[in-house]
Amino acid sequence: MKDKDTEISIKYKKEGYSFEIIVYLRKALEYKEGKIKDIREVLAVEEIFKDSKKGERASTESLKKAFGTTDVLEIAKEILKNSDIPLPTEYKRELIEEKKKQIIEYIRRIAYDSKNNMPLTYERAKELFEMIKYNVDINKPVEKQAEEVLKEIRKKYPLKVEYKNIKLIVYPNKFKIIGIIKNKYKIIKENWGESYEAILEIPIGLLSEFYSDIGKLCGDSCIVEEIKN
């Protein structure tokens, strides 16, 4: 991917004031997707500007009135959360193509052709993807789009995906990882208490990846149990 570290400014208005932050384009997109957690990795310059081209920083007064703080990192988080990231046309085209390939590969891994009971090749998965004319969204996680694509394909062609229900218990010291799990895997039931308990529906083809993810994110602070059918 070209221009992976391109710097762009994101403009934001609040309480009648104009603000700007300068970010790395690709990292800003990954932050929006939840792949990057540390806002410092995203900011090309740790400053809040009034006009970045002129190098004019936002005043302390305007920051306090608009955000209630002068903390650059907290303000940058709010600006990124509530802003769309402007993309050069060529770059957007490349991102769409890259995400399309990821969606097709995801489908190839979890689905199989129920006509002949055979796994899909990448080329076959691509043919089925193109059959439904799906519009790829660069801001939506691959897994969620793949589920939408599969739903449309299965209206026209008998693909099959087998799932396992997995019980996940997360203790409070790891609650911060729940958003990451929800962003990637399908939750069919959840309960918040002293711990977080959820039932997830995981494609069999992704079970090893799921266990690997949980191991990296949780360590011993989560319990995973396979629910017998």
Foldseek 3Di string as FASTA:
>chain_A
DPQQQPKDKFWDDFPRAIKIFIFGQNVLLCVLLVNDDQCVNTGPDLFIASDVVVPHGDDPVVCCVGPVDRRSRVVVVVSSNPTDDDDDPVVVVVLQVVLLLVLLVVCQLFKDAPVVRGGDDSVRSNVLLVVQPDRGDSNADSQVVSVVSVVSSCVPGPIDWDKWKKKKKAAPVQPVCVVVCVSHWAWPDWDDDNIIITITIGTPSCVVVVVVVCCVRGPPRMDMDTDDD
